C-alpha atoms as a PDB file:
ATOM      1  CA  MET A   1     -11.592  13.742 -37.697  1.00  0.00           C
ATOM      2  CA  GLU A   2     -15.024  14.779 -36.658  1.00  0.00           C
ATOM      3  CA  LYS A   3     -15.717  18.557 -35.962  1.00  0.00           C
ATOM      4  CA  GLN A   4     -17.084  19.503 -32.191  1.00  0.00           C
ATOM      5  CA  LYS A   5     -18.673  22.370 -30.998  1.00  0.00           C
ATOM      6  CA  GLY A   6     -16.957  25.790 -31.441  1.00  0.00           C
ATOM      7  CA  GLY A   7     -14.959  24.282 -34.313  1.00  0.00           C
ATOM      8  CA  GLU A   8     -12.805  22.263 -32.278  1.00  0.00           C
ATOM      9  CA  LYS A   9     -11.620  18.868 -33.622  1.00  0.00           C
ATOM     10  CA  ALA A  10     -11.772  15.452 -32.044  1.00  0.00           C
ATOM     11  CA  GLU A  11      -9.123  13.588 -31.875  1.00  0.00           C
ATOM     12  CA  ALA A  12      -8.652   9.723 -32.093  1.00  0.00           C
ATOM     13  CA  VAL A  13      -5.517   7.791 -32.085  1.00  0.00           C
ATOM     14  CA  ARG A  14      -5.360   4.134 -32.728  1.00  0.00           C
ATOM     15  CA  LEU A  15      -2.712   2.155 -31.302  1.00  0.00           C
ATOM     16  CA  GLU A  16      -1.261  -1.421 -32.008  1.00  0.00           C
ATOM     17  CA  VAL A  17       0.647  -3.067 -29.229  1.00  0.00           C
ATOM     18  CA  ASP A  18       2.622  -6.211 -29.452  1.00  0.00           C
ATOM     19  CA  PRO A  19       4.078  -6.900 -25.768  1.00  0.00           C
ATOM     20  CA  GLY A  20       6.058  -9.634 -26.921  1.00  0.00           C
ATOM     21  CA  ILE A  21       6.739 -12.890 -25.540  1.00  0.00           C
ATOM     22  CA  CYS A  22       3.086 -13.317 -23.963  1.00  0.00           C
ATOM     23  CA  GLY A  23       1.447 -13.195 -27.553  1.00  0.00           C
ATOM     24  CA  PHE A  24      -1.541 -10.994 -26.219  1.00  0.00           C
ATOM     25  CA  THR A  25      -1.545  -8.169 -28.624  1.00  0.00           C
ATOM     26  CA  CYS A  26      -3.564  -5.288 -27.815  1.00  0.00           C
ATOM     27  CA  SER A  27      -5.481  -2.554 -29.726  1.00  0.00           C
ATOM     28  CA  ILE A  28      -5.682   0.567 -28.189  1.00  0.00           C
ATOM     29  CA  ASN A  29      -8.222   3.891 -29.395  1.00  0.00           C
ATOM     30  CA  ALA A  30      -7.573   7.029 -27.323  1.00  0.00           C
ATOM     31  CA  CYS A  31     -10.886   9.522 -28.403  1.00  0.00           C
ATOM     32  CA  LYS A  32     -10.485  12.793 -27.112  1.00  0.00           C
ATOM     33  CA  ASP A  33     -13.524  13.360 -25.181  1.00  0.00           C
ATOM     34  CA  GLY A  34     -14.340  17.041 -24.598  1.00  0.00           C
ATOM     35  CA  LYS A  35     -11.163  19.881 -24.043  1.00  0.00           C
ATOM     36  CA  HIS A  36      -8.806  18.135 -21.722  1.00  0.00           C
ATOM     37  CA  SER A  37     -10.153  14.795 -21.427  1.00  0.00           C
ATOM     38  CA  VAL A  38      -9.581  10.947 -23.053  1.00  0.00           C
ATOM     39  CA  ARG A  39     -11.414   7.845 -23.116  1.00  0.00           C
ATOM     40  CA  PHE A  40      -9.911   4.590 -24.415  1.00  0.00           C
ATOM     41  CA  GLU A  41     -11.373   1.431 -25.978  1.00  0.00           C
ATOM     42  CA  ILE A  42      -9.302  -0.967 -25.675  1.00  0.00           C
ATOM     43  CA  GLN A  43      -9.150  -4.775 -27.586  1.00  0.00           C
ATOM     44  CA  SER A  44      -7.193  -7.836 -25.842  1.00  0.00           C
ATOM     45  CA  ASP A  45      -7.415 -11.258 -25.135  1.00  0.00           C
ATOM     46  CA  CYS A  46      -5.226 -10.314 -22.004  1.00  0.00           C
ATOM     47  CA  ASP A  47      -7.357 -11.169 -18.942  1.00  0.00           C
ATOM     48  CA  GLN A  48      -5.345  -8.215 -17.172  1.00  0.00           C
ATOM     49  CA  ILE A  49      -5.674  -5.920 -20.010  1.00  0.00           C
ATOM     50  CA  GLN A  50      -9.502  -6.344 -20.513  1.00  0.00           C
ATOM     51  CA  ASN A  51      -9.604  -5.519 -16.440  1.00  0.00           C
ATOM     52  CA  LEU A  52      -7.834  -2.524 -17.189  1.00  0.00           C
ATOM     53  CA  ALA A  53     -10.086  -1.548 -19.948  1.00  0.00           C
ATOM     54  CA  ARG A  54     -13.539  -2.034 -17.800  1.00  0.00           C
ATOM     55  CA  ASP A  55     -12.205  -0.281 -14.794  1.00  0.00           C
ATOM     56  CA  LEU A  56     -10.482   2.660 -16.065  1.00  0.00           C
ATOM     57  CA  GLY A  57     -12.593   5.621 -16.677  1.00  0.00           C
ATOM     58  CA  LYS A  58     -12.220   9.296 -18.480  1.00  0.00           C
ATOM     59  CA  ILE A  59      -8.586  10.183 -18.497  1.00  0.00           C
ATOM     60  CA  GLU A  60      -8.386  14.267 -17.711  1.00  0.00           C
ATOM     61  CA  MET A  61      -4.913  15.630 -19.133  1.00  0.00           C
ATOM     62  CA  LYS A  62      -3.702  16.778 -15.781  1.00  0.00           C
ATOM     63  CA  ASP A  63      -3.934  13.234 -14.950  1.00  0.00           C
ATOM     64  CA  LEU A  64      -0.727  12.864 -17.567  1.00  0.00           C
ATOM     65  CA  PHE A  65       1.494  14.655 -15.382  1.00  0.00           C
ATOM     66  CA  LEU A  66       0.827  12.845 -12.446  1.00  0.00           C
ATOM     67  CA  PRO A  67       3.628  10.332 -10.903  1.00  0.00           C
ATOM     68  CA  LEU A  68       3.062   6.607 -11.952  1.00  0.00           C
ATOM     69  CA  SER A  69       1.895   6.127  -8.083  1.00  0.00           C
ATOM     70  CA  ARG A  70      -1.231   8.564  -8.538  1.00  0.00           C
ATOM     71  CA  ASN A  71      -1.459   8.165 -12.317  1.00  0.00           C
ATOM     72  CA  PRO A  72      -5.069   6.231 -13.110  1.00  0.00           C
ATOM     73  CA  ILE A  73      -3.817   4.509 -15.714  1.00  0.00           C
ATOM     74  CA  PHE A  74      -1.005   2.671 -13.432  1.00  0.00           C
ATOM     75  CA  LEU A  75      -3.477   2.375 -10.418  1.00  0.00           C
ATOM     76  CA  SER A  76      -5.727   0.672 -12.750  1.00  0.00           C
ATOM     77  CA  ALA A  77      -2.696  -1.294 -14.505  1.00  0.00           C
ATOM     78  CA  GLU A  78      -1.649  -2.374 -10.964  1.00  0.00           C
ATOM     79  CA  LYS A  79      -5.510  -3.045  -9.842  1.00  0.00           C
ATOM     80  CA  SER A  80      -5.635  -5.460 -12.569  1.00  0.00           C
ATOM     81  CA  GLN A  81      -2.311  -6.994 -11.917  1.00  0.00           C
ATOM     82  CA  CYS A  82      -0.625  -6.255 -15.250  1.00  0.00           C
ATOM     83  CA  HIS A  83       2.704  -7.277 -15.368  1.00  0.00           C
ATOM     84  CA  LEU A  84       4.984  -4.822 -14.489  1.00  0.00           C
ATOM     85  CA  ALA A  85       7.149  -4.790 -17.874  1.00  0.00           C
ATOM     86  CA  CYS A  86       3.552  -4.589 -19.878  1.00  0.00           C
ATOM     87  CA  PRO A  87       4.058  -2.035 -22.440  1.00  0.00           C
ATOM     88  CA  VAL A  88       0.466  -1.387 -22.959  1.00  0.00           C
ATOM     89  CA  PRO A  89      -0.173   1.124 -19.770  1.00  0.00           C
ATOM     90  CA  CYS A  90       2.806   3.355 -20.843  1.00  0.00           C
ATOM     91  CA  SER A  91       1.351   2.918 -24.780  1.00  0.00           C
ATOM     92  CA  MET A  92      -2.196   4.397 -23.289  1.00  0.00           C
ATOM     93  CA  VAL A  93      -0.199   7.381 -22.183  1.00  0.00           C
ATOM     94  CA  LYS A  94       1.302   8.162 -25.681  1.00  0.00           C
ATOM     95  CA  ALA A  95      -1.870   7.511 -26.918  1.00  0.00           C
ATOM     96  CA  ALA A  96      -3.916  10.157 -24.738  1.00  0.00           C
ATOM     97  CA  GLU A  97      -0.733  12.772 -25.017  1.00  0.00           C
ATOM     98  CA  VAL A  98      -1.487  12.384 -29.082  1.00  0.00           C
ATOM     99  CA  ALA A  99      -4.871  12.558 -28.899  1.00  0.00           C
ATOM    100  CA  LEU A 100      -4.911  15.667 -26.697  1.00  0.00           C
ATOM    101  CA  GLY A 101      -2.276  17.248 -28.936  1.00  0.00           C
ATOM    102  CA  LEU A 102       0.670  17.385 -26.412  1.00  0.00           C
ATOM    103  CA  ALA A 103       2.501  15.349 -28.371  1.00  0.00           C
ATOM    104  CA  LEU A 104       3.297  14.128 -32.120  1.00  0.00           C
ATOM    105  CA  PRO A 105       2.621  10.354 -33.144  1.00  0.00           C
ATOM    106  CA  LYS A 106       6.056   8.556 -33.541  1.00  0.00           C
ATOM    107  CA  LYS A 107       6.865   5.160 -33.668  1.00  0.00           C
ATOM    108  CA  VAL A 108       8.221   3.353 -30.348  1.00  0.00           C
ATOM    109  CA  MET A 109      10.217   0.249 -29.994  1.00  0.00           C
ATOM    110  CA  ILE A 110      12.163  -1.396 -27.514  1.00  0.00           C
ATOM    111  CA  THR A 111      14.599  -4.021 -29.495  1.00  0.00           C
ATOM    112  CA  PHE A 112      16.907  -6.661 -28.360  1.00  0.00           C
ATOM    113  CA  GLU A 113      20.174  -7.025 -29.962  1.00  0.00           C
ATOM    114  CA  THR A 114      21.045 -10.642 -30.506  1.00  0.00           C
END
């Protein structure tokens, strides 16, 4: 972590998302940008996720508390035609929460029992 003005620490969070059967793994970097905002750097071979990454701008802390129908991450996912069950948008919310100090990093899993 690097220091910003006023002694505030810049948070950077890195996630790897394996969405399952589509096989398009995704790397997400969420970097704190100012006191209450986050910017994302996203790498994926998925066309929809690439569109989402290009479309999405800076996320403000207040955006994380909006309903799905007004949340900029989910609006960009819809505009980019991401699959409804794609875990990447949800992972972006988690990454932003951790980068802003609103949550602790904890492994999240969806496991199918056979």
